[in-house]
Amino acid sequence: MKSLDIETGTMTTTSFTDIPADAAGMISLLEKARTLGIVQGQTIDGRLIFRPNDAITRGEAITILLNAAKIPVDLSITQTTFQDIPEVSQWMIPYIVKAQSLNIINGQVIDGIFKFRPNDSITRAESVRVISKGVSVK
């Protein structure tokens, strides 16, 4: 959001139940991202959570980037050239396809299979690369 110059405001409370009350800087950022539809969180046992201490996956990072940059995504897309998108991660396909079409991501051939590795954690280097490519699309 900072790379896209999105103002976060000064929210002091959050809808996410797993964010500590003393995390003021994080709260403003998360609530702005939630209200803009950049992140949604997950509802588990009736509680909205963000999982702030979990690593972010490559698929989640691409989704957040495209949402933050307001890059339109055709949510009806259900097929991709990547051969490693598990059934549980099908929701990522429209975002992955869009990012690939914009050359934000490329994928790689591993053991003869074209992969994106959507559920692997994204590295800092990969994050910098996709953010710089994503903000240049705008």
N, C-alpha and C. Protein backbone atom coordinates (compact mmCIF):
# COMPACT_ATOMS: atom_id res chain seq x y z
N MET A 1 0.83 -1.19 0.00
CA MET A 1 0.00 0.00 0.00
C MET A 1 0.88 1.25 0.00
N LYS A 2 2.01 1.18 0.69
CA LYS A 2 2.91 2.33 0.70
C LYS A 2 3.49 2.56 -0.69
N SER A 3 3.79 1.48 -1.41
CA SER A 3 4.33 1.61 -2.76
C SER A 3 3.34 2.27 -3.71
N LEU A 4 2.05 2.16 -3.40
CA LEU A 4 1.01 2.74 -4.24
C LEU A 4 0.49 4.05 -3.68
N ASP A 5 1.14 4.56 -2.63
CA ASP A 5 0.76 5.83 -1.99
C ASP A 5 -0.69 5.83 -1.49
N ILE A 6 -1.13 4.70 -0.91
CA ILE A 6 -2.47 4.61 -0.36
C ILE A 6 -2.42 5.11 1.08
N GLU A 7 -3.18 6.16 1.36
CA GLU A 7 -3.24 6.71 2.72
C GLU A 7 -3.95 5.73 3.64
N THR A 8 -3.39 5.52 4.84
CA THR A 8 -3.98 4.52 5.73
C THR A 8 -4.81 5.12 6.86
N GLY A 9 -4.64 6.37 7.16
CA GLY A 9 -5.40 6.98 8.25
C GLY A 9 -4.84 6.59 9.61
N THR A 10 -5.65 6.76 10.64
CA THR A 10 -5.19 6.51 12.00
C THR A 10 -6.19 5.67 12.78
N MET A 11 -6.67 4.59 12.20
CA MET A 11 -7.60 3.69 12.89
C MET A 11 -6.93 3.11 14.13
N THR A 12 -7.71 2.94 15.19
CA THR A 12 -7.15 2.38 16.42
C THR A 12 -7.81 1.05 16.81
N THR A 13 -8.84 0.66 16.08
CA THR A 13 -9.49 -0.63 16.34
C THR A 13 -9.58 -1.40 15.03
N THR A 14 -9.68 -2.70 15.15
CA THR A 14 -9.74 -3.54 13.96
C THR A 14 -10.81 -4.61 14.10
N SER A 15 -11.29 -5.07 12.97
CA SER A 15 -12.26 -6.16 12.92
C SER A 15 -11.58 -7.51 13.08
N PHE A 16 -10.29 -7.57 12.83
CA PHE A 16 -9.54 -8.82 12.94
C PHE A 16 -9.28 -9.12 14.41
N THR A 17 -9.72 -10.29 14.85
CA THR A 17 -9.64 -10.62 16.28
C THR A 17 -8.26 -11.11 16.71
N ASP A 18 -7.35 -11.34 15.77
CA ASP A 18 -6.02 -11.84 16.15
C ASP A 18 -4.93 -10.77 16.04
N ILE A 19 -5.33 -9.51 15.98
CA ILE A 19 -4.36 -8.40 15.94
C ILE A 19 -4.30 -7.79 17.34
N PRO A 20 -3.10 -7.71 17.92
CA PRO A 20 -2.98 -7.13 19.26
C PRO A 20 -3.42 -5.67 19.29
N ALA A 21 -4.06 -5.28 20.37
CA ALA A 21 -4.56 -3.90 20.51
C ALA A 21 -3.43 -2.88 20.47
N ASP A 22 -2.22 -3.28 20.84
CA ASP A 22 -1.11 -2.33 20.88
C ASP A 22 -0.35 -2.24 19.55
N ALA A 23 -0.89 -2.81 18.50
CA ALA A 23 -0.26 -2.78 17.18
C ALA A 23 -0.84 -1.65 16.34
N ALA A 24 -0.74 -0.43 16.83
CA ALA A 24 -1.39 0.72 16.20
C ALA A 24 -1.04 0.89 14.73
N GLY A 25 0.23 0.80 14.36
CA GLY A 25 0.62 0.96 12.97
C GLY A 25 0.02 -0.10 12.07
N MET A 26 -0.03 -1.32 12.56
CA MET A 26 -0.59 -2.42 11.79
C MET A 26 -2.11 -2.28 11.65
N ILE A 27 -2.76 -1.81 12.70
CA ILE A 27 -4.22 -1.69 12.69
C ILE A 27 -4.69 -0.73 11.60
N SER A 28 -4.08 0.42 11.49
CA SER A 28 -4.47 1.39 10.45
C SER A 28 -4.30 0.80 9.06
N LEU A 29 -3.18 0.15 8.85
CA LEU A 29 -2.88 -0.44 7.56
C LEU A 29 -3.87 -1.56 7.22
N LEU A 30 -4.09 -2.45 8.16
CA LEU A 30 -5.01 -3.57 7.92
C LEU A 30 -6.44 -3.13 7.70
N GLU A 31 -6.91 -2.20 8.51
CA GLU A 31 -8.31 -1.76 8.35
C GLU A 31 -8.52 -1.04 7.04
N LYS A 32 -7.56 -0.23 6.62
CA LYS A 32 -7.68 0.43 5.32
C LYS A 32 -7.69 -0.61 4.20
N ALA A 33 -6.79 -1.59 4.31
CA ALA A 33 -6.74 -2.66 3.30
C ALA A 33 -8.05 -3.45 3.28
N ARG A 34 -8.62 -3.71 4.45
CA ARG A 34 -9.88 -4.45 4.52
C ARG A 34 -11.02 -3.64 3.91
N THR A 35 -11.11 -2.35 4.24
CA THR A 35 -12.21 -1.54 3.72
C THR A 35 -12.10 -1.31 2.20
N LEU A 36 -10.88 -1.35 1.68
CA LEU A 36 -10.69 -1.19 0.23
C LEU A 36 -10.83 -2.52 -0.53
N GLY A 37 -11.01 -3.62 0.20
CA GLY A 37 -11.13 -4.92 -0.44
C GLY A 37 -9.81 -5.52 -0.86
N ILE A 38 -8.72 -5.00 -0.32
CA ILE A 38 -7.39 -5.52 -0.66
C ILE A 38 -7.16 -6.85 0.06
N VAL A 39 -7.56 -6.93 1.31
CA VAL A 39 -7.49 -8.18 2.08
C VAL A 39 -8.87 -8.45 2.66
N GLN A 40 -9.14 -9.72 2.90
CA GLN A 40 -10.43 -10.09 3.47
C GLN A 40 -10.30 -10.78 4.81
N GLY A 41 -9.19 -11.46 5.03
CA GLY A 41 -9.05 -12.27 6.22
C GLY A 41 -9.81 -13.57 6.06
N GLN A 42 -9.89 -14.32 7.14
CA GLN A 42 -10.62 -15.59 7.14
C GLN A 42 -11.52 -15.63 8.36
N THR A 43 -12.68 -16.24 8.19
CA THR A 43 -13.56 -16.44 9.33
C THR A 43 -13.42 -17.88 9.79
N ILE A 44 -12.94 -18.05 11.00
CA ILE A 44 -12.76 -19.38 11.59
C ILE A 44 -13.45 -19.36 12.95
N ASP A 45 -14.34 -20.31 13.15
CA ASP A 45 -15.12 -20.40 14.40
C ASP A 45 -15.83 -19.08 14.72
N GLY A 46 -16.33 -18.42 13.67
CA GLY A 46 -17.08 -17.19 13.86
C GLY A 46 -16.23 -15.96 14.12
N ARG A 47 -14.90 -16.10 14.05
CA ARG A 47 -13.99 -14.98 14.31
C ARG A 47 -13.27 -14.60 13.02
N LEU A 48 -13.20 -13.31 12.73
CA LEU A 48 -12.45 -12.82 11.59
C LEU A 48 -10.98 -12.72 11.99
N ILE A 49 -10.12 -13.44 11.27
CA ILE A 49 -8.69 -13.42 11.59
C ILE A 49 -7.88 -13.01 10.37
N PHE A 50 -6.68 -12.51 10.63
CA PHE A 50 -5.76 -12.10 9.57
C PHE A 50 -4.52 -12.99 9.51
N ARG A 51 -4.16 -13.64 10.60
CA ARG A 51 -2.96 -14.47 10.70
C ARG A 51 -1.69 -13.64 10.48
N PRO A 52 -1.47 -12.58 11.27
CA PRO A 52 -0.35 -11.67 11.04
C PRO A 52 1.03 -12.31 11.19
N ASN A 53 1.13 -13.40 11.89
CA ASN A 53 2.44 -14.02 12.11
C ASN A 53 2.73 -15.16 11.14
N ASP A 54 1.79 -15.48 10.28
CA ASP A 54 2.01 -16.53 9.28
C ASP A 54 2.75 -15.95 8.09
N ALA A 55 3.52 -16.79 7.44
CA ALA A 55 4.17 -16.38 6.19
C ALA A 55 3.09 -16.19 5.13
N ILE A 56 3.32 -15.28 4.22
CA ILE A 56 2.37 -15.06 3.13
C ILE A 56 2.78 -15.95 1.95
N THR A 57 1.78 -16.54 1.30
CA THR A 57 2.08 -17.39 0.16
C THR A 57 2.23 -16.55 -1.10
N ARG A 58 2.81 -17.17 -2.11
CA ARG A 58 2.98 -16.49 -3.39
C ARG A 58 1.62 -16.12 -3.99
N GLY A 59 0.65 -17.02 -3.89
CA GLY A 59 -0.69 -16.74 -4.41
C GLY A 59 -1.38 -15.62 -3.65
N GLU A 60 -1.26 -15.62 -2.33
CA GLU A 60 -1.86 -14.55 -1.52
C GLU A 60 -1.21 -13.20 -1.85
N ALA A 61 0.10 -13.20 -2.02
CA ALA A 61 0.82 -11.95 -2.32
C ALA A 61 0.37 -11.36 -3.66
N ILE A 62 0.23 -12.21 -4.66
CA ILE A 62 -0.22 -11.73 -5.98
C ILE A 62 -1.63 -11.18 -5.89
N THR A 63 -2.49 -11.86 -5.15
CA THR A 63 -3.87 -11.41 -4.98
C THR A 63 -3.91 -10.05 -4.31
N ILE A 64 -3.17 -9.89 -3.23
CA ILE A 64 -3.13 -8.62 -2.51
C ILE A 64 -2.57 -7.52 -3.41
N LEU A 65 -1.50 -7.80 -4.14
CA LEU A 65 -0.91 -6.80 -5.02
C LEU A 65 -1.90 -6.32 -6.08
N LEU A 66 -2.56 -7.24 -6.75
CA LEU A 66 -3.51 -6.84 -7.80
C LEU A 66 -4.68 -6.06 -7.21
N ASN A 67 -5.16 -6.49 -6.04
CA ASN A 67 -6.26 -5.75 -5.39
C ASN A 67 -5.81 -4.35 -4.99
N ALA A 68 -4.62 -4.24 -4.42
CA ALA A 68 -4.11 -2.93 -3.98
C ALA A 68 -3.90 -1.99 -5.17
N ALA A 69 -3.39 -2.53 -6.26
CA ALA A 69 -3.12 -1.72 -7.45
C ALA A 69 -4.38 -1.48 -8.29
N LYS A 70 -5.51 -2.04 -7.85
CA LYS A 70 -6.79 -1.91 -8.57
C LYS A 70 -6.68 -2.38 -10.02
N ILE A 71 -5.95 -3.47 -10.20
CA ILE A 71 -5.82 -4.07 -11.52
C ILE A 71 -7.01 -5.00 -11.70
N PRO A 72 -7.84 -4.76 -12.71
CA PRO A 72 -9.04 -5.58 -12.90
C PRO A 72 -8.70 -7.04 -13.18
N VAL A 73 -9.46 -7.93 -12.55
CA VAL A 73 -9.26 -9.36 -12.69
C VAL A 73 -10.60 -9.99 -13.08
N ASP A 74 -10.58 -10.86 -14.07
CA ASP A 74 -11.79 -11.58 -14.49
C ASP A 74 -11.95 -12.79 -13.59
N LEU A 75 -12.83 -12.69 -12.61
CA LEU A 75 -13.00 -13.75 -11.62
C LEU A 75 -13.66 -15.01 -12.18
N SER A 76 -14.10 -14.98 -13.43
CA SER A 76 -14.70 -16.17 -14.02
C SER A 76 -13.66 -17.12 -14.61
N ILE A 77 -12.41 -16.70 -14.65
CA ILE A 77 -11.34 -17.55 -15.20
C ILE A 77 -11.10 -18.72 -14.25
N THR A 78 -11.08 -19.92 -14.81
CA THR A 78 -10.89 -21.13 -14.00
C THR A 78 -9.73 -22.00 -14.46
N GLN A 79 -9.04 -21.59 -15.52
CA GLN A 79 -7.94 -22.38 -16.07
C GLN A 79 -6.66 -21.55 -16.13
N THR A 80 -5.54 -22.22 -15.93
CA THR A 80 -4.23 -21.58 -16.01
C THR A 80 -3.24 -22.54 -16.66
N THR A 81 -2.16 -22.00 -17.20
CA THR A 81 -1.12 -22.85 -17.78
C THR A 81 -0.26 -23.49 -16.69
N PHE A 82 -0.31 -22.96 -15.48
CA PHE A 82 0.44 -23.57 -14.38
C PHE A 82 -0.21 -24.88 -13.99
N GLN A 83 0.59 -25.90 -13.77
CA GLN A 83 0.07 -27.24 -13.52
C GLN A 83 0.09 -27.61 -12.03
N ASP A 84 0.34 -26.66 -11.17
CA ASP A 84 0.49 -27.00 -9.74
C ASP A 84 -0.47 -26.22 -8.83
N ILE A 85 -1.63 -25.86 -9.34
CA ILE A 85 -2.61 -25.15 -8.52
C ILE A 85 -3.54 -26.20 -7.90
N PRO A 86 -3.44 -26.43 -6.59
CA PRO A 86 -4.29 -27.46 -5.98
C PRO A 86 -5.75 -27.03 -5.92
N GLU A 87 -6.62 -28.00 -5.78
CA GLU A 87 -8.07 -27.77 -5.75
C GLU A 87 -8.44 -26.71 -4.72
N VAL A 88 -7.82 -26.76 -3.55
CA VAL A 88 -8.15 -25.82 -2.47
C VAL A 88 -7.74 -24.39 -2.82
N SER A 89 -6.88 -24.22 -3.79
CA SER A 89 -6.38 -22.89 -4.15
C SER A 89 -6.96 -22.37 -5.46
N GLN A 90 -8.04 -22.94 -5.94
CA GLN A 90 -8.63 -22.54 -7.21
C GLN A 90 -9.04 -21.07 -7.22
N TRP A 91 -9.34 -20.49 -6.06
CA TRP A 91 -9.74 -19.08 -5.99
C TRP A 91 -8.63 -18.16 -6.49
N MET A 92 -7.38 -18.63 -6.47
CA MET A 92 -6.23 -17.81 -6.89
C MET A 92 -6.09 -17.70 -8.40
N ILE A 93 -6.67 -18.64 -9.12
CA ILE A 93 -6.41 -18.74 -10.56
C ILE A 93 -6.64 -17.43 -11.31
N PRO A 94 -7.75 -16.71 -11.13
CA PRO A 94 -7.92 -15.46 -11.89
C PRO A 94 -6.80 -14.44 -11.63
N TYR A 95 -6.32 -14.38 -10.40
CA TYR A 95 -5.25 -13.44 -10.05
C TYR A 95 -3.92 -13.88 -10.66
N ILE A 96 -3.65 -15.18 -10.60
CA ILE A 96 -2.42 -15.71 -11.15
C ILE A 96 -2.39 -15.51 -12.67
N VAL A 97 -3.50 -15.79 -13.33
CA VAL A 97 -3.58 -15.62 -14.79
C VAL A 97 -3.36 -14.16 -15.16
N LYS A 98 -3.99 -13.24 -14.43
CA LYS A 98 -3.82 -11.81 -14.72
C LYS A 98 -2.38 -11.38 -14.51
N ALA A 99 -1.79 -11.80 -13.39
CA ALA A 99 -0.39 -11.43 -13.11
C ALA A 99 0.54 -11.99 -14.17
N GLN A 100 0.27 -13.19 -14.63
CA GLN A 100 1.09 -13.78 -15.69
C GLN A 100 0.92 -13.01 -16.99
N SER A 101 -0.31 -12.60 -17.32
CA SER A 101 -0.55 -11.86 -18.57
C SER A 101 0.13 -10.49 -18.56
N LEU A 102 0.34 -9.94 -17.38
CA LEU A 102 1.00 -8.64 -17.24
C LEU A 102 2.51 -8.78 -17.03
N ASN A 103 3.00 -10.01 -17.09
CA ASN A 103 4.42 -10.32 -16.90
C ASN A 103 4.91 -9.94 -15.49
N ILE A 104 4.01 -9.94 -14.52
CA ILE A 104 4.40 -9.73 -13.13
C ILE A 104 5.01 -11.01 -12.58
N ILE A 105 4.49 -12.15 -13.03
CA ILE A 105 5.04 -13.46 -12.68
C ILE A 105 5.30 -14.24 -13.95
N ASN A 106 6.22 -15.20 -13.86
CA ASN A 106 6.55 -16.01 -15.02
C ASN A 106 6.36 -17.49 -14.80
N GLY A 107 6.61 -17.99 -13.62
CA GLY A 107 6.58 -19.42 -13.37
C GLY A 107 7.92 -20.03 -13.72
N GLN A 108 8.00 -21.33 -13.50
CA GLN A 108 9.23 -22.06 -13.79
C GLN A 108 8.91 -23.52 -14.06
N VAL A 109 9.79 -24.14 -14.84
CA VAL A 109 9.64 -25.56 -15.13
C VAL A 109 10.49 -26.32 -14.12
N ILE A 110 9.83 -27.18 -13.34
CA ILE A 110 10.50 -28.00 -12.35
C ILE A 110 10.10 -29.44 -12.63
N ASP A 111 11.09 -30.30 -12.86
CA ASP A 111 10.83 -31.71 -13.18
C ASP A 111 9.86 -31.86 -14.35
N GLY A 112 10.00 -30.97 -15.33
CA GLY A 112 9.17 -31.05 -16.53
C GLY A 112 7.75 -30.53 -16.37
N ILE A 113 7.45 -29.92 -15.22
CA ILE A 113 6.10 -29.41 -14.95
C ILE A 113 6.18 -27.89 -14.79
N PHE A 114 5.28 -27.17 -15.50
CA PHE A 114 5.24 -25.71 -15.42
C PHE A 114 4.54 -25.32 -14.12
N LYS A 115 5.29 -24.67 -13.22
CA LYS A 115 4.78 -24.40 -11.87
C LYS A 115 4.84 -22.92 -11.50
N PHE A 116 3.91 -22.55 -10.62
CA PHE A 116 3.92 -21.24 -9.98
C PHE A 116 4.25 -21.36 -8.49
N ARG A 117 3.98 -22.52 -7.89
CA ARG A 117 4.18 -22.77 -6.47
C ARG A 117 3.34 -21.80 -5.62
N PRO A 118 2.01 -21.76 -5.81
CA PRO A 118 1.16 -20.76 -5.18
C PRO A 118 1.11 -20.82 -3.66
N ASN A 119 1.34 -21.99 -3.09
CA ASN A 119 1.25 -22.11 -1.64
C ASN A 119 2.60 -22.08 -0.94
N ASP A 120 3.68 -21.86 -1.71
CA ASP A 120 4.99 -21.66 -1.10
C ASP A 120 5.05 -20.23 -0.55
N SER A 121 5.81 -20.05 0.50
CA SER A 121 6.02 -18.69 1.02
C SER A 121 6.77 -17.87 -0.01
N ILE A 122 6.44 -16.60 -0.09
CA ILE A 122 7.13 -15.71 -1.02
C ILE A 122 8.36 -15.15 -0.31
N THR A 123 9.47 -15.08 -1.02
CA THR A 123 10.69 -14.54 -0.44
C THR A 123 10.68 -13.01 -0.51
N ARG A 124 11.56 -12.40 0.21
CA ARG A 124 11.67 -10.93 0.14
C ARG A 124 12.05 -10.49 -1.27
N ALA A 125 12.97 -11.23 -1.88
CA ALA A 125 13.40 -10.88 -3.24
C ALA A 125 12.23 -10.99 -4.22
N GLU A 126 11.45 -12.06 -4.10
CA GLU A 126 10.27 -12.22 -4.97
C GLU A 126 9.26 -11.11 -4.70
N SER A 127 9.10 -10.74 -3.44
CA SER A 127 8.16 -9.66 -3.09
C SER A 127 8.56 -8.36 -3.75
N VAL A 128 9.83 -8.02 -3.66
CA VAL A 128 10.30 -6.78 -4.28
C VAL A 128 10.06 -6.81 -5.79
N ARG A 129 10.35 -7.95 -6.39
CA ARG A 129 10.19 -8.07 -7.84
C ARG A 129 8.73 -7.88 -8.26
N VAL A 130 7.80 -8.58 -7.60
CA VAL A 130 6.40 -8.48 -8.03
C VAL A 130 5.81 -7.12 -7.67
N ILE A 131 6.22 -6.53 -6.56
CA ILE A 131 5.71 -5.20 -6.22
C ILE A 131 6.19 -4.18 -7.23
N SER A 132 7.49 -4.22 -7.57
CA SER A 132 7.98 -3.22 -8.55
C SER A 132 7.34 -3.43 -9.91
N LYS A 133 7.13 -4.66 -10.31
CA LYS A 133 6.45 -4.90 -11.60
C LYS A 133 4.98 -4.52 -11.51
N GLY A 134 4.35 -4.82 -10.38
CA GLY A 134 2.92 -4.51 -10.21
C GLY A 134 2.63 -3.03 -10.19
N VAL A 135 3.44 -2.25 -9.50
CA VAL A 135 3.17 -0.81 -9.45
C VAL A 135 3.49 -0.13 -10.78
N SER A 136 4.35 -0.74 -11.58
CA SER A 136 4.66 -0.15 -12.89
C SER A 136 3.53 -0.37 -13.88
N VAL A 137 2.64 -1.33 -13.62
CA VAL A 137 1.48 -1.58 -14.48
C VAL A 137 0.50 -0.45 -14.36
N LYS A 138 0.39 0.10 -13.18
CA LYS A 138 -0.61 1.13 -12.88
C LYS A 138 -0.48 2.34 -13.73
